[in-house]
Amino acid sequence: MLVEERLKQAKKIFIGTKQTKKALEKGETQLVFVACDAEKRVTEPILKLCKEKEIELVFIATMEELGCLCGIEVGSATAAIVQ
């Protein structure tokens, strides 16, 4: 299954950097998506947490595309599939 399909079919996702960070800190995250065009100051803490906790990362080309995959009408810098 493509990673994008996993995001669309996930039962529970957290959208946005604050929600993604909270899920990572609680150890609830299975997979994290990061938009390549998001500001580094926004995504860097997420990338660091993923590395520390050995969480799989998937990079999506744009924030707009990530938002669309999440089913929202605005862009998103990060999103996470949670357990």
PDB file of N, CA and C in Angstrom:
ATOM      1  N   MET A   1       0.851  -1.183   0.000  1.00  0.00           N
ATOM      2  CA  MET A   1       0.000   0.000   0.000  1.00  0.00           C
ATOM      3  C   MET A   1       0.898   1.248   0.000  1.00  0.00           C
ATOM      4  N   LEU A   2       0.562   2.196  -0.831  1.00  0.00           N
ATOM      5  CA  LEU A   2       1.312   3.444  -0.873  1.00  0.00           C
ATOM      6  C   LEU A   2       1.136   4.207   0.432  1.00  0.00           C
ATOM      7  N   VAL A   3       2.156   4.944   0.797  1.00  0.00           N
ATOM      8  CA  VAL A   3       2.084   5.689   2.048  1.00  0.00           C
ATOM      9  C   VAL A   3       0.955   6.712   2.029  1.00  0.00           C
ATOM     10  N   GLU A   4       0.739   7.336   0.885  1.00  0.00           N
ATOM     11  CA  GLU A   4      -0.352   8.303   0.772  1.00  0.00           C
ATOM     12  C   GLU A   4      -1.698   7.630   1.030  1.00  0.00           C
ATOM     13  N   GLU A   5      -1.854   6.398   0.548  1.00  0.00           N
ATOM     14  CA  GLU A   5      -3.091   5.657   0.788  1.00  0.00           C
ATOM     15  C   GLU A   5      -3.228   5.326   2.268  1.00  0.00           C
ATOM     16  N   ARG A   6      -2.130   5.023   2.920  1.00  0.00           N
ATOM     17  CA  ARG A   6      -2.176   4.746   4.359  1.00  0.00           C
ATOM     18  C   ARG A   6      -2.701   5.957   5.118  1.00  0.00           C
ATOM     19  N   LEU A   7      -2.277   7.146   4.695  1.00  0.00           N
ATOM     20  CA  LEU A   7      -2.742   8.368   5.356  1.00  0.00           C
ATOM     21  C   LEU A   7      -4.228   8.565   5.123  1.00  0.00           C
ATOM     22  N   LYS A   8      -4.685   8.360   3.905  1.00  0.00           N
ATOM     23  CA  LYS A   8      -6.108   8.537   3.592  1.00  0.00           C
ATOM     24  C   LYS A   8      -6.975   7.518   4.312  1.00  0.00           C
ATOM     25  N   GLN A   9      -6.449   6.302   4.530  1.00  0.00           N
ATOM     26  CA  GLN A   9      -7.243   5.232   5.124  1.00  0.00           C
ATOM     27  C   GLN A   9      -7.048   5.077   6.632  1.00  0.00           C
ATOM     28  N   ALA A  10      -6.151   5.853   7.202  1.00  0.00           N
ATOM     29  CA  ALA A  10      -5.881   5.735   8.641  1.00  0.00           C
ATOM     30  C   ALA A  10      -7.129   6.054   9.458  1.00  0.00           C
ATOM     31  N   LYS A  11      -7.314   5.313  10.524  1.00  0.00           N
ATOM     32  CA  LYS A  11      -8.467   5.549  11.397  1.00  0.00           C
ATOM     33  C   LYS A  11      -8.306   6.818  12.217  1.00  0.00           C
ATOM     34  N   LYS A  12      -7.055   7.109  12.613  1.00  0.00           N
ATOM     35  CA  LYS A  12      -6.832   8.307  13.417  1.00  0.00           C
ATOM     36  C   LYS A  12      -5.544   8.986  12.965  1.00  0.00           C
ATOM     37  N   ILE A  13      -5.675  10.257  12.626  1.00  0.00           N
ATOM     38  CA  ILE A  13      -4.497  11.040  12.257  1.00  0.00           C
ATOM     39  C   ILE A  13      -4.504  12.347  13.037  1.00  0.00           C
ATOM     40  N   PHE A  14      -3.317  12.843  13.284  1.00  0.00           N
ATOM     41  CA  PHE A  14      -3.165  14.159  13.881  1.00  0.00           C
ATOM     42  C   PHE A  14      -2.594  15.053  12.800  1.00  0.00           C
ATOM     43  N   ILE A  15      -3.202  16.202  12.622  1.00  0.00           N
ATOM     44  CA  ILE A  15      -2.798  17.129  11.581  1.00  0.00           C
ATOM     45  C   ILE A  15      -2.219  18.383  12.231  1.00  0.00           C
ATOM     46  N   GLY A  16      -1.066  18.809  11.745  1.00  0.00           N
ATOM     47  CA  GLY A  16      -0.429  20.013  12.265  1.00  0.00           C
ATOM     48  C   GLY A  16       0.736  19.676  13.181  1.00  0.00           C
ATOM     49  N   THR A  17       1.630  20.614  13.300  1.00  0.00           N
ATOM     50  CA  THR A  17       2.866  20.390  14.040  1.00  0.00           C
ATOM     51  C   THR A  17       2.638  20.192  15.531  1.00  0.00           C
ATOM     52  N   LYS A  18       1.760  20.990  16.140  1.00  0.00           N
ATOM     53  CA  LYS A  18       1.518  20.846  17.584  1.00  0.00           C
ATOM     54  C   LYS A  18       0.946  19.476  17.916  1.00  0.00           C
ATOM     55  N   GLN A  19      -0.040  19.040  17.153  1.00  0.00           N
ATOM     56  CA  GLN A  19      -0.666  17.740  17.404  1.00  0.00           C
ATOM     57  C   GLN A  19       0.309  16.596  17.129  1.00  0.00           C
ATOM     58  N   THR A  20       1.082  16.728  16.050  1.00  0.00           N
ATOM     59  CA  THR A  20       2.073  15.699  15.711  1.00  0.00           C
ATOM     60  C   THR A  20       3.120  15.583  16.811  1.00  0.00           C
ATOM     61  N   LYS A  21       3.583  16.720  17.309  1.00  0.00           N
ATOM     62  CA  LYS A  21       4.589  16.723  18.379  1.00  0.00           C
ATOM     63  C   LYS A  21       4.052  16.061  19.642  1.00  0.00           C
ATOM     64  N   LYS A  22       2.810  16.370  20.009  1.00  0.00           N
ATOM     65  CA  LYS A  22       2.203  15.762  21.190  1.00  0.00           C
ATOM     66  C   LYS A  22       2.126  14.242  21.048  1.00  0.00           C
ATOM     67  N   ALA A  23       1.709  13.783  19.868  1.00  0.00           N
ATOM     68  CA  ALA A  23       1.603  12.340  19.624  1.00  0.00           C
ATOM     69  C   ALA A  23       2.973  11.674  19.703  1.00  0.00           C
ATOM     70  N   LEU A  24       3.992  12.334  19.163  1.00  0.00           N
ATOM     71  CA  LEU A  24       5.356  11.794  19.234  1.00  0.00           C
ATOM     72  C   LEU A  24       5.835  11.706  20.671  1.00  0.00           C
ATOM     73  N   GLU A  25       5.600  12.743  21.444  1.00  0.00           N
ATOM     74  CA  GLU A  25       6.041  12.765  22.836  1.00  0.00           C
ATOM     75  C   GLU A  25       5.348  11.705  23.676  1.00  0.00           C
ATOM     76  N   LYS A  26       4.102  11.377  23.337  1.00  0.00           N
ATOM     77  CA  LYS A  26       3.345  10.358  24.073  1.00  0.00           C
ATOM     78  C   LYS A  26       3.643   8.948  23.576  1.00  0.00           C
ATOM     79  N   GLY A  27       4.392   8.833  22.477  1.00  0.00           N
ATOM     80  CA  GLY A  27       4.724   7.514  21.934  1.00  0.00           C
ATOM     81  C   GLY A  27       3.581   6.857  21.194  1.00  0.00           C
ATOM     82  N   GLU A  28       2.658   7.652  20.672  1.00  0.00           N
ATOM     83  CA  GLU A  28       1.469   7.116  20.000  1.00  0.00           C
ATOM     84  C   GLU A  28       1.618   7.025  18.481  1.00  0.00           C
ATOM     85  N   THR A  29       2.738   7.485  17.940  1.00  0.00           N
ATOM     86  CA  THR A  29       2.865   7.680  16.502  1.00  0.00           C
ATOM     87  C   THR A  29       3.417   6.456  15.789  1.00  0.00           C
ATOM     88  N   GLN A  30       2.803   6.110  14.655  1.00  0.00           N
ATOM     89  CA  GLN A  30       3.289   5.024  13.812  1.00  0.00           C
ATOM     90  C   GLN A  30       4.092   5.560  12.631  1.00  0.00           C
ATOM     91  N   LEU A  31       3.648   6.676  12.085  1.00  0.00           N
ATOM     92  CA  LEU A  31       4.225   7.213  10.859  1.00  0.00           C
ATOM     93  C   LEU A  31       4.012   8.717  10.829  1.00  0.00           C
ATOM     94  N   VAL A  32       5.022   9.469  10.402  1.00  0.00           N
ATOM     95  CA  VAL A  32       4.926  10.924  10.355  1.00  0.00           C
ATOM     96  C   VAL A  32       5.162  11.413   8.926  1.00  0.00           C
ATOM     97  N   PHE A  33       4.353  12.369   8.514  1.00  0.00           N
ATOM     98  CA  PHE A  33       4.467  12.998   7.200  1.00  0.00           C
ATOM     99  C   PHE A  33       4.935  14.430   7.384  1.00  0.00           C
ATOM    100  N   VAL A  34       5.884  14.855   6.548  1.00  0.00           N
ATOM    101  CA  VAL A  34       6.426  16.209   6.623  1.00  0.00           C
ATOM    102  C   VAL A  34       6.408  16.816   5.224  1.00  0.00           C
ATOM    103  N   ALA A  35       5.895  18.034   5.116  1.00  0.00           N
ATOM    104  CA  ALA A  35       5.880  18.741   3.834  1.00  0.00           C
ATOM    105  C   ALA A  35       7.259  19.337   3.575  1.00  0.00           C
ATOM    106  N   CYS A  36       7.789  19.098   2.388  1.00  0.00           N
ATOM    107  CA  CYS A  36       9.134  19.580   2.032  1.00  0.00           C
ATOM    108  C   CYS A  36       9.225  21.102   1.972  1.00  0.00           C
ATOM    109  N   ASP A  37       8.107  21.765   1.659  1.00  0.00           N
ATOM    110  CA  ASP A  37       8.154  23.222   1.533  1.00  0.00           C
ATOM    111  C   ASP A  37       7.818  23.960   2.828  1.00  0.00           C
ATOM    112  N   ALA A  38       7.646  23.226   3.913  1.00  0.00           N
ATOM    113  CA  ALA A  38       7.364  23.858   5.209  1.00  0.00           C
ATOM    114  C   ALA A  38       8.651  24.481   5.749  1.00  0.00           C
ATOM    115  N   GLU A  39       8.493  25.502   6.585  1.00  0.00           N
ATOM    116  CA  GLU A  39       9.644  26.178   7.161  1.00  0.00           C
ATOM    117  C   GLU A  39      10.426  25.224   8.076  1.00  0.00           C
ATOM    118  N   LYS A  40      11.730  25.282   7.969  1.00  0.00           N
ATOM    119  CA  LYS A  40      12.607  24.398   8.758  1.00  0.00           C
ATOM    120  C   LYS A  40      12.395  24.592  10.261  1.00  0.00           C
ATOM    121  N   ARG A  41      12.143  25.831  10.693  1.00  0.00           N
ATOM    122  CA  ARG A  41      11.956  26.081  12.127  1.00  0.00           C
ATOM    123  C   ARG A  41      10.711  25.362  12.660  1.00  0.00           C
ATOM    124  N   VAL A  42       9.782  25.053  11.759  1.00  0.00           N
ATOM    125  CA  VAL A  42       8.559  24.337  12.142  1.00  0.00           C
ATOM    126  C   VAL A  42       8.794  22.834  12.140  1.00  0.00           C
ATOM    127  N   THR A  43       9.488  22.340  11.123  1.00  0.00           N
ATOM    128  CA  THR A  43       9.641  20.892  10.966  1.00  0.00           C
ATOM    129  C   THR A  43      10.834  20.298  11.714  1.00  0.00           C
ATOM    130  N   GLU A  44      11.842  21.096  11.994  1.00  0.00           N
ATOM    131  CA  GLU A  44      13.063  20.575  12.622  1.00  0.00           C
ATOM    132  C   GLU A  44      12.802  19.838  13.939  1.00  0.00           C
ATOM    133  N   PRO A  45      11.976  20.371  14.855  1.00  0.00           N
ATOM    134  CA  PRO A  45      11.708  19.631  16.107  1.00  0.00           C
ATOM    135  C   PRO A  45      11.028  18.280  15.850  1.00  0.00           C
ATOM    136  N   ILE A  46      10.181  18.225  14.848  1.00  0.00           N
ATOM    137  CA  ILE A  46       9.490  16.972  14.509  1.00  0.00           C
ATOM    138  C   ILE A  46      10.497  15.965  13.964  1.00  0.00           C
ATOM    139  N   LEU A  47      11.362  16.409  13.069  1.00  0.00           N
ATOM    140  CA  LEU A  47      12.379  15.525  12.493  1.00  0.00           C
ATOM    141  C   LEU A  47      13.293  14.970  13.584  1.00  0.00           C
ATOM    142  N   LYS A  48      13.652  15.818  14.538  1.00  0.00           N
ATOM    143  CA  LYS A  48      14.516  15.399  15.640  1.00  0.00           C
ATOM    144  C   LYS A  48      13.831  14.332  16.500  1.00  0.00           C
ATOM    145  N   LEU A  49      12.565  14.570  16.852  1.00  0.00           N
ATOM    146  CA  LEU A  49      11.819  13.597  17.659  1.00  0.00           C
ATOM    147  C   LEU A  49      11.663  12.263  16.930  1.00  0.00           C
ATOM    148  N   CYS A  50      11.407  12.322  15.629  1.00  0.00           N
ATOM    149  CA  CYS A  50      11.263  11.085  14.850  1.00  0.00           C
ATOM    150  C   CYS A  50      12.558  10.292  14.856  1.00  0.00           C
ATOM    151  N   LYS A  51      13.668  10.985  14.729  1.00  0.00           N
ATOM    152  CA  LYS A  51      14.967  10.311  14.740  1.00  0.00           C
ATOM    153  C   LYS A  51      15.220   9.674  16.101  1.00  0.00           C
ATOM    154  N   GLU A  52      14.944  10.421  17.173  1.00  0.00           N
ATOM    155  CA  GLU A  52      15.160   9.915  18.531  1.00  0.00           C
ATOM    156  C   GLU A  52      14.304   8.686  18.817  1.00  0.00           C
ATOM    157  N   LYS A  53      13.066   8.713  18.351  1.00  0.00           N
ATOM    158  CA  LYS A  53      12.122   7.636  18.657  1.00  0.00           C
ATOM    159  C   LYS A  53      12.028   6.591  17.548  1.00  0.00           C
ATOM    160  N   GLU A  54      12.874   6.743  16.518  1.00  0.00           N
ATOM    161  CA  GLU A  54      12.940   5.810  15.395  1.00  0.00           C
ATOM    162  C   GLU A  54      11.576   5.615  14.729  1.00  0.00           C
ATOM    163  N   ILE A  55      10.909   6.736  14.459  1.00  0.00           N
ATOM    164  CA  ILE A  55       9.611   6.735  13.789  1.00  0.00           C
ATOM    165  C   ILE A  55       9.844   6.974  12.296  1.00  0.00           C
ATOM    166  N   GLU A  56       9.158   6.204  11.480  1.00  0.00           N
ATOM    167  CA  GLU A  56       9.284   6.333  10.027  1.00  0.00           C
ATOM    168  C   GLU A  56       8.775   7.699   9.563  1.00  0.00           C
ATOM    169  N   LEU A  57       9.534   8.313   8.667  1.00  0.00           N
ATOM    170  CA  LEU A  57       9.186   9.616   8.104  1.00  0.00           C
ATOM    171  C   LEU A  57       8.873   9.476   6.623  1.00  0.00           C
ATOM    172  N   VAL A  58       7.867  10.222   6.187  1.00  0.00           N
ATOM    173  CA  VAL A  58       7.551  10.289   4.765  1.00  0.00           C
ATOM    174  C   VAL A  58       7.492  11.758   4.384  1.00  0.00           C
ATOM    175  N   PHE A  59       8.218  12.116   3.344  1.00  0.00           N
ATOM    176  CA  PHE A  59       8.229  13.500   2.890  1.00  0.00           C
ATOM    177  C   PHE A  59       7.246  13.675   1.744  1.00  0.00           C
ATOM    178  N   ILE A  60       6.393  14.695   1.851  1.00  0.00           N
ATOM    179  CA  ILE A  60       5.407  15.047   0.836  1.00  0.00           C
ATOM    180  C   ILE A  60       5.864  16.368   0.224  1.00  0.00           C
ATOM    181  N   ALA A  61       5.685  16.525  -1.079  1.00  0.00           N
ATOM    182  CA  ALA A  61       6.242  17.670  -1.800  1.00  0.00           C
ATOM    183  C   ALA A  61       5.825  19.026  -1.226  1.00  0.00           C
ATOM    184  N   THR A  62       4.523  19.213  -0.987  1.00  0.00           N
ATOM    185  CA  THR A  62       4.061  20.529  -0.553  1.00  0.00           C
ATOM    186  C   THR A  62       3.096  20.427   0.627  1.00  0.00           C
ATOM    187  N   MET A  63       2.973  21.539   1.330  1.00  0.00           N
ATOM    188  CA  MET A  63       2.011  21.622   2.430  1.00  0.00           C
ATOM    189  C   MET A  63       0.587  21.466   1.903  1.00  0.00           C
ATOM    190  N   GLU A  64       0.332  22.038   0.744  1.00  0.00           N
ATOM    191  CA  GLU A  64      -0.993  21.937   0.132  1.00  0.00           C
ATOM    192  C   GLU A  64      -1.350  20.479  -0.153  1.00  0.00           C
ATOM    193  N   GLU A  65      -0.397  19.729  -0.701  1.00  0.00           N
ATOM    194  CA  GLU A  65      -0.632  18.313  -1.002  1.00  0.00           C
ATOM    195  C   GLU A  65      -0.871  17.511   0.269  1.00  0.00           C
ATOM    196  N   LEU A  66      -0.090  17.783   1.311  1.00  0.00           N
ATOM    197  CA  LEU A  66      -0.271  17.080   2.579  1.00  0.00           C
ATOM    198  C   LEU A  66      -1.639  17.387   3.171  1.00  0.00           C
ATOM    199  N   GLY A  67      -2.047  18.652   3.127  1.00  0.00           N
ATOM    200  CA  GLY A  67      -3.376  19.013   3.604  1.00  0.00           C
ATOM    201  C   GLY A  67      -4.470  18.275   2.851  1.00  0.00           C
ATOM    202  N   CYS A  68      -4.322  18.200   1.542  1.00  0.00           N
ATOM    203  CA  CYS A  68      -5.298  17.496   0.698  1.00  0.00           C
ATOM    204  C   CYS A  68      -5.364  16.009   1.069  1.00  0.00           C
ATOM    205  N   LEU A  69      -4.215  15.389   1.265  1.00  0.00           N
ATOM    206  CA  LEU A  69      -4.173  13.974   1.663  1.00  0.00           C
ATOM    207  C   LEU A  69      -4.841  13.745   3.009  1.00  0.00           C
ATOM    208  N   CYS A  70      -4.792  14.772   3.865  1.00  0.00           N
ATOM    209  CA  CYS A  70      -5.411  14.678   5.193  1.00  0.00           C
ATOM    210  C   CYS A  70      -6.903  15.010   5.159  1.00  0.00           C
ATOM    211  N   GLY A  71      -7.376  15.455   4.005  1.00  0.00           N
ATOM    212  CA  GLY A  71      -8.796  15.773   3.884  1.00  0.00           C
ATOM    213  C   GLY A  71      -9.165  17.162   4.365  1.00  0.00           C
ATOM    214  N   ILE A  72      -8.186  18.064   4.413  1.00  0.00           N
ATOM    215  CA  ILE A  72      -8.484  19.440   4.814  1.00  0.00           C
ATOM    216  C   ILE A  72      -8.222  20.374   3.636  1.00  0.00           C
ATOM    217  N   GLU A  73      -8.795  21.555   3.693  1.00  0.00           N
ATOM    218  CA  GLU A  73      -8.709  22.489   2.572  1.00  0.00           C
ATOM    219  C   GLU A  73      -7.549  23.470   2.680  1.00  0.00           C
ATOM    220  N   VAL A  74      -6.739  23.332   3.706  1.00  0.00           N
ATOM    221  CA  VAL A  74      -5.570  24.199   3.887  1.00  0.00           C
ATOM    222  C   VAL A  74      -4.324  23.331   3.958  1.00  0.00           C
ATOM    223  N   GLY A  75      -3.162  23.950   3.834  1.00  0.00           N
ATOM    224  CA  GLY A  75      -1.922  23.221   3.896  1.00  0.00           C
ATOM    225  C   GLY A  75      -1.581  22.795   5.317  1.00  0.00           C
ATOM    226  N   SER A  76      -0.703  21.809   5.412  1.00  0.00           N
ATOM    227  CA  SER A  76      -0.229  21.339   6.715  1.00  0.00           C
ATOM    228  C   SER A  76       1.255  21.032   6.603  1.00  0.00           C
ATOM    229  N   ALA A  77       2.023  21.463   7.604  1.00  0.00           N
ATOM    230  CA  ALA A  77       3.465  21.191   7.601  1.00  0.00           C
ATOM    231  C   ALA A  77       3.762  19.744   7.972  1.00  0.00           C
ATOM    232  N   THR A  78       2.962  19.190   8.901  1.00  0.00           N
ATOM    233  CA  THR A  78       3.168  17.822   9.353  1.00  0.00           C
ATOM    234  C   THR A  78       1.835  17.136   9.649  1.00  0.00           C
ATOM    235  N   ALA A  79       1.885  15.827   9.654  1.00  0.00           N
ATOM    236  CA  ALA A  79       0.732  15.016  10.055  1.00  0.00           C
ATOM    237  C   ALA A  79       1.279  13.679  10.557  1.00  0.00           C
ATOM    238  N   ALA A  80       0.491  12.994  11.362  1.00  0.00           N
ATOM    239  CA  ALA A  80       0.935  11.712  11.915  1.00  0.00           C
ATOM    240  C   ALA A  80      -0.212  10.716  11.950  1.00  0.00           C
ATOM    241  N   ILE A  81       0.110   9.475  11.640  1.00  0.00           N
ATOM    242  CA  ILE A  81      -0.825   8.372  11.859  1.00  0.00           C
ATOM    243  C   ILE A  81      -0.535   7.852  13.259  1.00  0.00           C
ATOM    244  N   VAL A  82      -1.573   7.759  14.067  1.00  0.00           N
ATOM    245  CA  VAL A  82      -1.394   7.320  15.449  1.00  0.00           C
ATOM    246  C   VAL A  82      -2.033   5.945  15.657  1.00  0.00           C
ATOM    247  N   GLN A  83      -1.565   5.275  16.691  1.00  0.00           N
ATOM    248  CA  GLN A  83      -2.036   3.925  16.999  1.00  0.00           C
ATOM    249  C   GLN A  83      -3.427   3.948  17.579  1.00  0.00           C
TER     250      GLN A  83
END
